Amino acid sequence: MGPVIVIVVLVALAWALLAVPARRRQRSHLELQDGVVVGDEIITAGGMHAVVREASEGELRVEISPGVVVTLDRRAVAAVAVEEAAEEDPGPGGS
């Protein structure tokens, strides 16, 4: 009976350490995809940067180049681009 308890405990630990965080990441990514709105700059699963021009339930119309608008499935959104604050470079010898 002892070895069975050890195996059950190991399986439970593996599930807690692997499956739960993966499910959390997946839920977070789905919320990101559902939260895309007009004007957001997105990065597609293929690595293309685009700006959302129209958003519907399952599809987005995105502008990939000035005047070039294509239709994209919401599931193809990998990330929403966030502008980083520009840090001032002190230059050579600066502090």
Protein backbone atom coordinates (compact mmCIF):
# COMPACT_ATOMS: atom_id res chain seq x y z
CA MET A 1 0.00 0.00 0.00
CA GLY A 2 2.95 2.36 0.72
CA PRO A 3 4.33 2.49 -2.85
CA VAL A 4 0.86 3.21 -4.24
CA ILE A 5 0.50 6.26 -1.99
CA VAL A 6 3.91 7.54 -3.12
CA ILE A 7 2.91 7.16 -6.78
CA VAL A 8 -0.40 8.95 -6.19
CA VAL A 9 1.38 11.80 -4.41
CA LEU A 10 3.94 12.11 -7.24
CA VAL A 11 1.20 12.19 -9.89
CA ALA A 12 -0.68 14.85 -7.92
CA LEU A 13 2.48 16.97 -7.59
CA ALA A 14 3.27 16.62 -11.30
CA TRP A 15 -0.26 17.69 -12.17
CA ALA A 16 -0.08 20.67 -9.81
CA LEU A 17 3.28 21.79 -11.17
CA LEU A 18 2.60 21.22 -14.89
CA ALA A 19 -1.08 21.21 -15.77
CA VAL A 20 -2.36 24.03 -13.57
CA PRO A 21 0.13 26.70 -14.78
CA ALA A 22 -0.41 25.63 -18.40
CA ARG A 23 -4.17 26.02 -18.02
CA ARG A 24 -3.65 29.43 -16.40
CA ARG A 25 -1.44 30.58 -19.31
CA GLN A 26 -4.00 29.33 -21.84
CA ARG A 27 -6.85 31.15 -20.08
CA SER A 28 -4.75 34.33 -19.95
CA HIS A 29 -3.98 34.10 -23.69
CA LEU A 30 -7.66 33.59 -24.56
CA GLU A 31 -8.54 36.68 -22.50
CA LEU A 32 -5.87 38.62 -24.39
CA GLN A 33 -7.34 37.52 -27.74
CA ASP A 34 -10.87 38.41 -26.65
CA GLY A 35 -9.74 41.79 -25.35
CA VAL A 36 -8.31 43.08 -28.63
CA VAL A 37 -10.05 46.32 -29.66
CA VAL A 38 -9.88 48.71 -32.60
CA GLY A 39 -6.62 50.66 -32.56
CA ASP A 40 -4.53 48.00 -30.82
CA GLU A 41 -1.23 47.08 -32.41
CA ILE A 42 -1.01 43.30 -32.45
CA ILE A 43 1.55 40.67 -33.31
CA THR A 44 0.20 37.64 -35.15
CA ALA A 45 1.21 34.04 -34.62
CA GLY A 46 3.27 34.39 -37.80
CA GLY A 47 5.18 37.36 -36.38
CA MET A 48 3.46 40.04 -38.46
CA HIS A 49 2.76 43.40 -36.80
CA ALA A 50 -0.59 44.98 -37.61
CA VAL A 51 -3.06 47.58 -36.36
CA VAL A 52 -6.67 46.52 -35.73
CA ARG A 53 -9.11 48.54 -37.86
CA GLU A 54 -12.34 46.51 -37.30
CA ALA A 55 -13.17 43.88 -34.71
CA SER A 56 -16.00 41.35 -34.76
CA GLU A 57 -16.72 38.25 -32.69
CA GLY A 58 -14.38 35.84 -34.48
CA GLU A 59 -12.41 37.94 -36.94
CA LEU A 60 -10.34 41.08 -37.07
CA ARG A 61 -9.66 43.37 -40.00
CA VAL A 62 -6.10 44.55 -39.59
CA GLU A 63 -3.91 46.98 -41.47
CA ILE A 64 -0.50 45.44 -42.16
CA SER A 65 0.78 48.29 -44.29
CA PRO A 66 -0.68 51.71 -45.16
CA GLY A 67 -3.81 50.98 -47.20
CA VAL A 68 -3.48 47.18 -46.95
CA VAL A 69 -6.24 45.69 -44.79
CA VAL A 70 -6.60 41.94 -44.35
CA THR A 71 -8.95 39.68 -42.39
CA LEU A 72 -7.45 37.70 -39.54
CA ASP A 73 -8.95 35.12 -37.22
CA ARG A 74 -8.84 36.22 -33.57
CA ARG A 75 -7.06 32.98 -32.65
CA ALA A 76 -4.07 34.10 -34.74
CA VAL A 77 -3.29 36.97 -32.34
CA ALA A 78 -0.14 36.07 -30.43
CA ALA A 79 0.29 39.31 -28.47
CA VAL A 80 -0.73 42.92 -28.17
CA ALA A 81 2.29 45.15 -28.77
CA VAL A 82 3.10 47.53 -25.95
CA GLU A 83 5.32 50.53 -26.50
CA GLU A 84 8.30 50.64 -24.17
CA ALA A 85 9.21 53.90 -22.53
CA ALA A 86 12.34 55.30 -24.14
CA GLU A 87 15.22 55.45 -21.69
CA GLU A 88 17.56 58.37 -21.95
CA ASP A 89 21.07 57.34 -22.90
CA PRO A 90 23.59 59.26 -20.80
CA GLY A 91 26.10 58.97 -23.63
CA PRO A 92 29.79 58.15 -23.33
CA GLY A 93 31.18 58.80 -19.89
CA GLY A 94 27.79 59.91 -18.56
CA SER A 95 26.43 58.81 -15.23
